[in-house]
C-alpha atoms as a PDB file:
ATOM      1  CA  MET A   1       4.798 -18.683  -2.624  1.00  0.00           C
ATOM      2  CA  ASN A   2       2.551 -21.396  -0.663  1.00  0.00           C
ATOM      3  CA  LYS A   3      -0.195 -22.097  -4.106  1.00  0.00           C
ATOM      4  CA  TYR A   4       0.583 -22.602  -7.697  1.00  0.00           C
ATOM      5  CA  PHE A   5      -2.958 -23.186  -8.641  1.00  0.00           C
ATOM      6  CA  ILE A   6      -3.289 -21.434 -11.770  1.00  0.00           C
ATOM      7  CA  ALA A   7      -7.278 -20.891 -13.053  1.00  0.00           C
ATOM      8  CA  ALA A   8      -6.110 -19.570 -16.500  1.00  0.00           C
ATOM      9  CA  LEU A   9      -2.906 -18.995 -18.833  1.00  0.00           C
ATOM     10  CA  GLY A  10      -3.890 -16.555 -21.530  1.00  0.00           C
ATOM     11  CA  LEU A  11      -1.320 -15.953 -24.211  1.00  0.00           C
ATOM     12  CA  ALA A  12      -3.070 -12.561 -25.356  1.00  0.00           C
ATOM     13  CA  SER A  13      -0.242 -11.777 -28.144  1.00  0.00           C
ATOM     14  CA  THR A  14       3.351 -12.461 -28.584  1.00  0.00           C
ATOM     15  CA  ALA A  15       6.129 -11.017 -30.793  1.00  0.00           C
ATOM     16  CA  LEU A  16       7.206 -12.882 -34.160  1.00  0.00           C
ATOM     17  CA  LEU A  17      10.188 -14.856 -32.811  1.00  0.00           C
ATOM     18  CA  PRO A  18      12.954 -16.499 -34.041  1.00  0.00           C
ATOM     19  CA  ALA A  19      13.274 -20.393 -33.015  1.00  0.00           C
ATOM     20  CA  HIS A  20      15.599 -20.276 -30.666  1.00  0.00           C
ATOM     21  CA  ALA A  21      13.345 -17.753 -28.468  1.00  0.00           C
ATOM     22  CA  LEU A  22      10.899 -19.363 -25.491  1.00  0.00           C
ATOM     23  CA  LEU A  23       8.597 -18.735 -23.204  1.00  0.00           C
ATOM     24  CA  VAL A  24       8.879 -20.087 -20.401  1.00  0.00           C
ATOM     25  CA  THR A  25       6.104 -21.623 -17.325  1.00  0.00           C
ATOM     26  CA  ASP A  26       8.663 -23.819 -15.033  1.00  0.00           C
ATOM     27  CA  VAL A  27      11.716 -22.121 -13.010  1.00  0.00           C
ATOM     28  CA  ASN A  28      13.011 -25.401 -13.939  1.00  0.00           C
ATOM     29  CA  GLN A  29      13.464 -24.111 -17.334  1.00  0.00           C
ATOM     30  CA  ILE A  30      15.982 -21.468 -16.595  1.00  0.00           C
ATOM     31  CA  GLY A  31      19.368 -23.418 -16.737  1.00  0.00           C
ATOM     32  CA  LEU A  32      21.287 -24.106 -13.677  1.00  0.00           C
ATOM     33  CA  PRO A  33      23.042 -22.389 -12.048  1.00  0.00           C
ATOM     34  CA  THR A  34      20.929 -19.868 -10.913  1.00  0.00           C
ATOM     35  CA  ILE A  35      20.658 -16.478  -8.963  1.00  0.00           C
ATOM     36  CA  THR A  36      17.052 -15.929  -7.109  1.00  0.00           C
ATOM     37  CA  ALA A  37      16.030 -12.496  -5.290  1.00  0.00           C
ATOM     38  CA  ASP A  38      12.596 -13.336  -3.302  1.00  0.00           C
ATOM     39  CA  PHE A  39      12.859  -9.780  -1.261  1.00  0.00           C
ATOM     40  CA  GLU A  40      12.508 -10.888   2.029  1.00  0.00           C
ATOM     41  CA  GLY A  41      14.862  -8.511   3.188  1.00  0.00           C
ATOM     42  CA  PHE A  42      13.132  -5.817   2.456  1.00  0.00           C
ATOM     43  CA  ASP A  43      10.054  -4.490   3.872  1.00  0.00           C
ATOM     44  CA  GLY A  44       7.556  -2.250   2.687  1.00  0.00           C
ATOM     45  CA  LEU A  45      10.367  -0.321   0.669  1.00  0.00           C
ATOM     46  CA  LEU A  46       8.829   2.102  -1.760  1.00  0.00           C
ATOM     47  CA  THR A  47      11.703   2.927  -4.544  1.00  0.00           C
ATOM     48  CA  THR A  48      12.554   3.484  -7.798  1.00  0.00           C
ATOM     49  CA  GLY A  49      16.436   2.026  -7.411  1.00  0.00           C
ATOM     50  CA  PRO A  50      18.876   1.365  -8.164  1.00  0.00           C
ATOM     51  CA  GLU A  51      18.310  -1.580  -5.516  1.00  0.00           C
ATOM     52  CA  LEU A  52      20.760  -4.457  -5.120  1.00  0.00           C
ATOM     53  CA  VAL A  53      18.193  -7.372  -4.311  1.00  0.00           C
ATOM     54  CA  ALA A  54      20.000 -10.500  -5.095  1.00  0.00           C
ATOM     55  CA  PRO A  55      23.865 -10.904  -5.605  1.00  0.00           C
ATOM     56  CA  GLY A  56      24.351  -9.254  -9.161  1.00  0.00           C
ATOM     57  CA  VAL A  57      20.778  -8.573  -9.876  1.00  0.00           C
ATOM     58  CA  THR A  58      19.843  -4.650  -9.830  1.00  0.00           C
ATOM     59  CA  PHE A  59      16.309  -3.203  -9.341  1.00  0.00           C
ATOM     60  CA  THR A  60      14.776  -0.643 -10.835  1.00  0.00           C
ATOM     61  CA  GLY A  61      11.292   0.661 -11.109  1.00  0.00           C
ATOM     62  CA  ASP A  62       8.654   3.801 -11.785  1.00  0.00           C
ATOM     63  CA  ALA A  63       7.636   5.650  -8.892  1.00  0.00           C
ATOM     64  CA  GLY A  64       5.566   3.598  -6.866  1.00  0.00           C
ATOM     65  CA  SER A  65       7.093   0.596  -6.825  1.00  0.00           C
ATOM     66  CA  GLU A  66       7.529  -1.310  -3.597  1.00  0.00           C
ATOM     67  CA  LEU A  67      10.092  -4.025  -1.978  1.00  0.00           C
ATOM     68  CA  GLY A  68       9.471  -6.181   0.191  1.00  0.00           C
ATOM     69  CA  ALA A  69       5.362  -5.849  -0.445  1.00  0.00           C
ATOM     70  CA  ASN A  70       2.948  -8.308   2.037  1.00  0.00           C
ATOM     71  CA  ASN A  71      -0.206  -7.394   0.821  1.00  0.00           C
ATOM     72  CA  ARG A  72      -1.612  -6.363  -2.033  1.00  0.00           C
ATOM     73  CA  ASP A  73      -5.759  -6.893  -3.582  1.00  0.00           C
ATOM     74  CA  LEU A  74      -5.259  -8.127  -7.432  1.00  0.00           C
ATOM     75  CA  GLY A  75      -8.858  -7.598  -8.185  1.00  0.00           C
ATOM     76  CA  GLU A  76     -10.316 -10.940  -9.716  1.00  0.00           C
ATOM     77  CA  ASN A  77      -6.784 -12.491  -9.184  1.00  0.00           C
ATOM     78  CA  GLY A  78      -7.635 -12.741  -5.557  1.00  0.00           C
ATOM     79  CA  LEU A  79      -4.894 -11.554  -2.873  1.00  0.00           C
ATOM     80  CA  TRP A  80      -1.139 -11.449  -2.513  1.00  0.00           C
ATOM     81  CA  GLY A  81       0.348 -11.413   1.526  1.00  0.00           C
ATOM     82  CA  GLY A  82      -1.735 -14.238   2.444  1.00  0.00           C
ATOM     83  CA  PHE A  83       0.849 -15.889   4.381  1.00  0.00           C
ATOM     84  CA  GLY A  84       3.358 -13.641   5.269  1.00  0.00           C
ATOM     85  CA  ASN A  85       5.248 -13.442   1.989  1.00  0.00           C
ATOM     86  CA  HIS A  86       7.449 -10.597   0.789  1.00  0.00           C
ATOM     87  CA  PHE A  87       7.319  -9.575  -2.780  1.00  0.00           C
ATOM     88  CA  ALA A  88       8.231  -6.476  -5.398  1.00  0.00           C
ATOM     89  CA  ALA A  89       5.378  -4.439  -6.278  1.00  0.00           C
ATOM     90  CA  GLY A  90       4.558  -2.531  -9.105  1.00  0.00           C
ATOM     91  CA  ALA A  91       2.538   0.814  -9.166  1.00  0.00           C
ATOM     92  CA  ASN A  92      -0.805   0.900 -10.075  1.00  0.00           C
ATOM     93  CA  VAL A  93       0.094   1.040 -14.222  1.00  0.00           C
ATOM     94  CA  GLY A  94       4.430   0.456 -14.006  1.00  0.00           C
ATOM     95  CA  GLU A  95       7.538  -1.525 -14.368  1.00  0.00           C
ATOM     96  CA  LEU A  96      10.176  -3.589 -12.013  1.00  0.00           C
ATOM     97  CA  ARG A  97      12.984  -4.519 -14.040  1.00  0.00           C
ATOM     98  CA  PHE A  98      15.917  -6.689 -12.983  1.00  0.00           C
ATOM     99  CA  THR A  99      19.473  -5.961 -13.859  1.00  0.00           C
ATOM    100  CA  PHE A 100      22.160  -8.661 -14.302  1.00  0.00           C
ATOM    101  CA  GLY A 101      25.690  -7.835 -13.706  1.00  0.00           C
ATOM    102  CA  GLN A 102      26.535 -11.075 -15.581  1.00  0.00           C
ATOM    103  CA  LEU A 103      24.576 -11.422 -19.542  1.00  0.00           C
ATOM    104  CA  SER A 104      22.121 -14.531 -19.077  1.00  0.00           C
ATOM    105  CA  SER A 105      20.615 -16.705 -21.246  1.00  0.00           C
ATOM    106  CA  GLY A 106      17.181 -16.905 -19.209  1.00  0.00           C
ATOM    107  CA  ALA A 107      15.558 -14.863 -16.556  1.00  0.00           C
ATOM    108  CA  GLY A 108      11.990 -15.119 -14.907  1.00  0.00           C
ATOM    109  CA  ALA A 109       9.618 -14.779 -12.045  1.00  0.00           C
ATOM    110  CA  PHE A 110       6.551 -15.926  -9.905  1.00  0.00           C
ATOM    111  CA  VAL A 111       4.183 -13.522 -11.145  1.00  0.00           C
ATOM    112  CA  ASN A 112       0.516 -12.151 -11.274  1.00  0.00           C
ATOM    113  CA  HIS A 113      -1.068  -8.638 -11.723  1.00  0.00           C
ATOM    114  CA  TYR A 114      -4.521  -6.652 -11.223  1.00  0.00           C
ATOM    115  CA  ALA A 115      -7.676  -7.932 -12.854  1.00  0.00           C
ATOM    116  CA  LEU A 116     -10.856  -7.054 -13.915  1.00  0.00           C
ATOM    117  CA  SER A 117     -13.328  -8.130 -16.336  1.00  0.00           C
ATOM    118  CA  ALA A 118     -13.899  -4.450 -17.785  1.00  0.00           C
ATOM    119  CA  LEU A 119     -10.869  -3.639 -17.904  1.00  0.00           C
ATOM    120  CA  PRO A 120      -8.748  -6.572 -19.763  1.00  0.00           C
ATOM    121  CA  LEU A 121      -5.381  -5.629 -19.434  1.00  0.00           C
ATOM    122  CA  GLY A 122      -2.495  -8.309 -19.097  1.00  0.00           C
ATOM    123  CA  LEU A 123       0.980  -8.069 -17.858  1.00  0.00           C
ATOM    124  CA  VAL A 124       4.257  -7.404 -20.522  1.00  0.00           C
ATOM    125  CA  ILE A 125       7.382  -9.622 -19.969  1.00  0.00           C
ATOM    126  CA  SER A 126      10.268  -8.087 -22.367  1.00  0.00           C
ATOM    127  CA  VAL A 127      14.264  -9.290 -21.635  1.00  0.00           C
ATOM    128  CA  TYR A 128      16.860  -6.436 -23.119  1.00  0.00           C
ATOM    129  CA  GLY A 129      20.313  -7.003 -24.397  1.00  0.00           C
ATOM    130  CA  ASP A 130      23.517  -5.306 -23.530  1.00  0.00           C
ATOM    131  CA  ASN A 131      22.351  -2.028 -25.226  1.00  0.00           C
ATOM    132  CA  ASN A 132      19.474  -1.881 -23.574  1.00  0.00           C
ATOM    133  CA  GLN A 133      17.708  -2.916 -27.028  1.00  0.00           C
ATOM    134  CA  ILE A 134      14.291  -5.283 -25.998  1.00  0.00           C
ATOM    135  CA  ILE A 135      15.247  -8.384 -27.754  1.00  0.00           C
ATOM    136  CA  GLU A 136      12.397 -10.315 -26.736  1.00  0.00           C
ATOM    137  CA  THR A 137       8.642  -9.436 -25.632  1.00  0.00           C
ATOM    138  CA  HIS A 138       5.680 -11.369 -24.903  1.00  0.00           C
ATOM    139  CA  THR A 139       1.715  -9.817 -23.810  1.00  0.00           C
ATOM    140  CA  VAL A 140       0.301 -12.393 -20.996  1.00  0.00           C
ATOM    141  CA  THR A 141      -3.029 -12.265 -19.216  1.00  0.00           C
ATOM    142  CA  VAL A 142      -2.328 -14.446 -15.790  1.00  0.00           C
ATOM    143  CA  ALA A 143      -6.292 -15.494 -14.785  1.00  0.00           C
ATOM    144  CA  THR A 144      -6.494 -16.947 -10.671  1.00  0.00           C
ATOM    145  CA  ASP A 145      -9.414 -17.875  -8.522  1.00  0.00           C
ATOM    146  CA  ILE A 146     -10.648 -14.068  -7.096  1.00  0.00           C
ATOM    147  CA  ASN A 147     -10.822 -15.829  -3.852  1.00  0.00           C
ATOM    148  CA  GLY A 148      -7.156 -17.087  -3.839  1.00  0.00           C
ATOM    149  CA  TYR A 149      -3.984 -16.190  -1.812  1.00  0.00           C
ATOM    150  CA  ASP A 150      -0.215 -15.823  -3.199  1.00  0.00           C
ATOM    151  CA  GLU A 151      -1.744 -17.320  -6.847  1.00  0.00           C
ATOM    152  CA  GLY A 152       0.352 -16.834 -10.417  1.00  0.00           C
ATOM    153  CA  VAL A 153       1.736 -18.453 -12.774  1.00  0.00           C
ATOM    154  CA  PHE A 154       5.995 -18.657 -13.382  1.00  0.00           C
ATOM    155  CA  LEU A 155       6.923 -16.655 -16.463  1.00  0.00           C
ATOM    156  CA  GLY A 156      10.566 -16.558 -18.058  1.00  0.00           C
ATOM    157  CA  ILE A 157      12.784 -16.317 -21.348  1.00  0.00           C
ATOM    158  CA  THR A 158      14.919 -18.353 -22.509  1.00  0.00           C
ATOM    159  CA  ARG A 159      17.272 -17.971 -25.089  1.00  0.00           C
ATOM    160  CA  ALA A 160      20.153 -19.874 -27.160  1.00  0.00           C
ATOM    161  CA  ASN A 161      22.708 -17.591 -26.692  1.00  0.00           C
ATOM    162  CA  ALA A 162      23.699 -15.740 -23.070  1.00  0.00           C
ATOM    163  CA  ASP A 163      22.558 -12.065 -24.786  1.00  0.00           C
ATOM    164  CA  ILE A 164      20.172 -10.735 -21.496  1.00  0.00           C
ATOM    165  CA  ARG A 165      21.251  -8.140 -19.834  1.00  0.00           C
ATOM    166  CA  SER A 166      17.683  -7.329 -18.187  1.00  0.00           C
ATOM    167  CA  ILE A 167      13.912  -8.503 -17.836  1.00  0.00           C
ATOM    168  CA  SER A 168      11.176  -6.201 -17.002  1.00  0.00           C
ATOM    169  CA  PHE A 169       7.164  -6.691 -16.106  1.00  0.00           C
ATOM    170  CA  LYS A 170       4.579  -4.257 -16.896  1.00  0.00           C
ATOM    171  CA  GLY A 171       1.487  -3.428 -16.649  1.00  0.00           C
ATOM    172  CA  LEU A 172      -1.565  -2.862 -14.258  1.00  0.00           C
ATOM    173  CA  GLY A 173      -0.660  -3.706 -10.359  1.00  0.00           C
ATOM    174  CA  VAL A 174       2.019  -6.331 -11.395  1.00  0.00           C
ATOM    175  CA  VAL A 175       3.436  -8.216  -8.207  1.00  0.00           C
ATOM    176  CA  VAL A 176       6.765 -10.664  -8.887  1.00  0.00           C
ATOM    177  CA  ASP A 177       8.763 -12.708  -6.393  1.00  0.00           C
ATOM    178  CA  ASN A 178      11.459 -14.993  -6.661  1.00  0.00           C
ATOM    179  CA  VAL A 179      12.918 -13.545  -9.549  1.00  0.00           C
ATOM    180  CA  THR A 180      15.508 -16.126 -10.941  1.00  0.00           C
ATOM    181  CA  VAL A 181      18.012 -15.481 -13.538  1.00  0.00           C
ATOM    182  CA  SER A 182      20.759 -18.238 -15.022  1.00  0.00           C
ATOM    183  CA  ALA A 183      23.679 -17.343 -13.828  1.00  0.00           C
ATOM    184  CA  VAL A 184      26.902 -17.477 -16.186  1.00  0.00           C
ATOM    185  CA  PRO A 185      30.194 -18.130 -14.664  1.00  0.00           C
ATOM    186  CA  GLU A 186      32.721 -15.672 -15.262  1.00  0.00           C
ATOM    187  CA  PRO A 187      35.533 -16.963 -17.500  1.00  0.00           C
ATOM    188  CA  GLN A 188      38.045 -17.274 -14.873  1.00  0.00           C
ATOM    189  CA  THR A 189      35.595 -19.531 -13.212  1.00  0.00           C
ATOM    190  CA  TYR A 190      35.831 -21.575 -16.003  1.00  0.00           C
ATOM    191  CA  ALA A 191      39.504 -21.246 -16.132  1.00  0.00           C
ATOM    192  CA  LEU A 192      40.095 -22.562 -12.114  1.00  0.00           C
ATOM    193  CA  LEU A 193      37.555 -25.368 -12.937  1.00  0.00           C
ATOM    194  CA  LEU A 194      39.289 -26.731 -15.727  1.00  0.00           C
ATOM    195  CA  ALA A 195      42.642 -26.640 -14.071  1.00  0.00           C
ATOM    196  CA  GLY A 196      40.186 -28.303 -10.711  1.00  0.00           C
ATOM    197  CA  LEU A 197      40.023 -30.882 -13.110  1.00  0.00           C
ATOM    198  CA  GLY A 198      43.516 -30.680 -14.820  1.00  0.00           C
ATOM    199  CA  LEU A 199      44.936 -31.963 -11.257  1.00  0.00           C
ATOM    200  CA  VAL A 200      42.498 -34.728 -10.919  1.00  0.00           C
ATOM    201  CA  GLY A 201      43.249 -36.098 -13.899  1.00  0.00           C
ATOM    202  CA  ALA A 202      46.862 -35.677 -13.059  1.00  0.00           C
ATOM    203  CA  ALA A 203      46.526 -37.550  -9.420  1.00  0.00           C
ATOM    204  CA  ALA A 204      44.769 -40.545 -11.043  1.00  0.00           C
ATOM    205  CA  LYS A 205      47.423 -41.002 -13.912  1.00  0.00           C
ATOM    206  CA  ARG A 206      50.468 -40.991 -10.405  1.00  0.00           C
ATOM    207  CA  ARG A 207      48.381 -43.348  -8.546  1.00  0.00           C
ATOM    208  CA  PRO A 208      49.967 -46.998  -8.366  1.00  0.00           C
ATOM    209  CA  GLN A 209      47.945 -49.349  -9.854  1.00  0.00           C
ATOM    210  CA  SER A 210      46.715 -51.853  -7.858  1.00  0.00           C
ATOM    211  CA  GLN A 211      48.242 -55.254  -7.956  1.00  0.00           C
ATOM    212  CA  GLY A 212      45.682 -58.170  -9.048  1.00  0.00           C
END
């Protein structure tokens, strides 16, 4: 998104969580390396999924969900789509969920939702473990300029261990973009890395010492 102005961010309620769990508001707090789904490869696809939206990231959602949406009226939170960006949009009330091929230690997205002072509802961000059980959840209210375009906030959850299998965003008129997940290398990747470091070390040992 082009603008990141946040008029207000209220934590309406949070679950009682262990100390290692953390709600984050900066994409840089998601551990590197990351995989990002930006939905630019979709154009108004109405689907409940499953739909692969990035390598190792699969979307599922409630009826009325749209991938590659380019326009949403968010009521008192302004408009999305003012700069031609494509994003994922939920139904009037529904869930957008993203499931990962590998367990992750952190995930999040740039988000907003439909807001109306007479209907003070926020969005619920939750992460699920390998058994599809919620391991952490937060209810968050985002408030942005009524005349703004593509405004919102990054919301993510990080954990001490890689135990996140999926992340979901639920609420009234929820919109998300740039879904970001920390990519945990496969064990064979670690093995290749260690082997490469071993070869570098062996080569360094064999290198003749320069004469002074």
